[in-house]
Amino acid sequence: MTTPAHDHDHDHSHEGEGFVFGHEILSILADRGGRLPVAELKSAAGTVFGEQAVYGNCHGDRFDFEGLLAFLSSKGKLALDGEFASLGHVPGCAGH
């Protein structure tokens, strides 16, 4: 699953049905105002991508939903504050 904004060039052989890139979760967050309760973000992702989705990054690392949020947070792409997630100061998928 990719979006038109995902235009940088590298191998995506690790993708498969149900593989969701972190920037797609950031897009959901942005579309809903940039800040949501984590539970609401997780529910929205499950609705869009399915409950069995595998989350990951452009390098092929795979995460569960909470692991993805921790990864995005560690990269400054997402901020976690208690039970809320908000867009971070680093844009998603910057082309590496």
Protein backbone atom coordinates (compact mmCIF):
# COMPACT_ATOMS: atom_id res chain seq x y z
CA MET A 1 0.00 0.00 0.00
CA THR A 2 1.50 3.27 -1.05
CA THR A 3 0.32 6.79 -1.56
CA PRO A 4 1.14 9.17 -4.41
CA ALA A 5 3.29 11.20 -2.00
CA HIS A 6 5.53 8.16 -1.65
CA ASP A 7 7.76 9.06 -4.58
CA HIS A 8 11.31 8.38 -3.43
CA ASP A 9 13.29 5.59 -5.00
CA HIS A 10 14.27 2.45 -3.10
CA ASP A 11 13.41 -1.22 -2.91
CA HIS A 12 9.90 -2.08 -1.83
CA SER A 13 10.11 -5.86 -2.20
CA HIS A 14 9.29 -6.13 1.53
CA GLU A 15 5.81 -4.76 0.83
CA GLY A 16 2.92 -7.09 0.65
CA GLU A 17 -0.79 -7.18 1.11
CA GLY A 18 -1.56 -5.66 4.47
CA PHE A 19 1.80 -3.85 4.78
CA VAL A 20 1.16 -0.28 5.94
CA PHE A 21 3.87 2.37 5.83
CA GLY A 22 4.26 4.68 8.79
CA HIS A 23 3.60 7.73 6.62
CA GLU A 24 0.13 6.35 5.93
CA ILE A 25 -0.63 6.49 9.65
CA LEU A 26 0.74 10.03 9.75
CA SER A 27 -1.64 10.89 6.89
CA ILE A 28 -4.61 9.65 8.90
CA LEU A 29 -3.44 11.79 11.81
CA ALA A 30 -3.00 14.85 9.57
CA ASP A 31 -6.40 14.34 7.94
CA ARG A 32 -8.01 14.34 11.39
CA GLY A 33 -6.46 17.54 12.66
CA GLY A 34 -2.96 16.43 13.65
CA ARG A 35 -3.76 15.21 17.17
CA LEU A 36 -5.84 12.24 18.31
CA PRO A 37 -6.11 9.85 21.21
CA VAL A 38 -3.89 6.85 20.40
CA ALA A 39 -6.90 4.52 20.74
CA GLU A 40 -8.82 6.55 18.14
CA LEU A 41 -5.83 6.56 15.76
CA LYS A 42 -5.45 2.79 16.16
CA SER A 43 -9.17 2.29 15.50
CA ALA A 44 -9.02 4.48 12.39
CA ALA A 45 -5.99 2.56 11.10
CA GLY A 46 -7.79 -0.73 11.71
CA THR A 47 -10.81 0.51 9.80
CA VAL A 48 -8.73 1.68 6.83
CA PHE A 49 -6.10 -1.07 6.68
CA GLY A 50 -7.66 -3.98 8.55
CA GLU A 51 -7.04 -5.38 12.00
CA GLN A 52 -4.30 -7.74 10.73
CA ALA A 53 -2.21 -5.05 9.02
CA VAL A 54 1.55 -5.14 9.42
CA TYR A 55 3.08 -1.73 9.99
CA GLY A 56 6.53 -0.72 8.88
CA ASN A 57 8.92 1.75 7.41
CA CYS A 58 10.51 2.21 3.99
CA HIS A 59 13.50 0.11 5.03
CA GLY A 60 11.37 -2.97 5.63
CA ASP A 61 11.32 -2.94 9.43
CA ARG A 62 8.02 -4.34 10.71
CA PHE A 63 6.10 -3.33 13.81
CA ASP A 64 2.83 -3.82 15.58
CA PHE A 65 0.80 -0.61 15.84
CA GLU A 66 2.32 0.47 19.17
CA GLY A 67 5.82 -0.35 17.92
CA LEU A 68 5.25 1.80 14.86
CA LEU A 69 4.17 4.72 17.03
CA ALA A 70 7.30 4.31 19.16
CA PHE A 71 9.47 4.20 16.01
CA LEU A 72 7.81 7.29 14.51
CA SER A 73 8.17 9.08 17.84
CA SER A 74 11.88 8.22 18.04
CA LYS A 75 12.36 9.82 14.61
CA GLY A 76 10.47 13.01 15.55
CA LYS A 77 7.70 12.27 13.06
CA LEU A 78 5.13 11.75 15.80
CA ALA A 79 4.82 13.05 19.35
CA LEU A 80 3.31 10.90 22.07
CA ASP A 81 1.88 12.73 25.07
CA GLY A 82 0.09 10.47 27.50
CA GLU A 83 -2.82 8.95 25.63
CA PHE A 84 -2.49 11.31 22.64
CA ALA A 85 -0.51 11.21 19.40
CA SER A 86 0.25 14.31 17.36
CA LEU A 87 2.30 15.12 14.33
CA GLY A 88 5.95 15.64 15.15
CA HIS A 89 8.41 18.27 13.96
CA VAL A 90 9.99 16.05 11.27
CA PRO A 91 7.90 15.45 8.16
CA GLY A 92 6.96 11.87 7.37
CA CYS A 93 8.78 10.05 4.57
CA ALA A 94 11.34 12.71 3.75
CA GLY A 95 12.94 10.65 0.99
CA HIS A 96 15.78 9.31 3.15
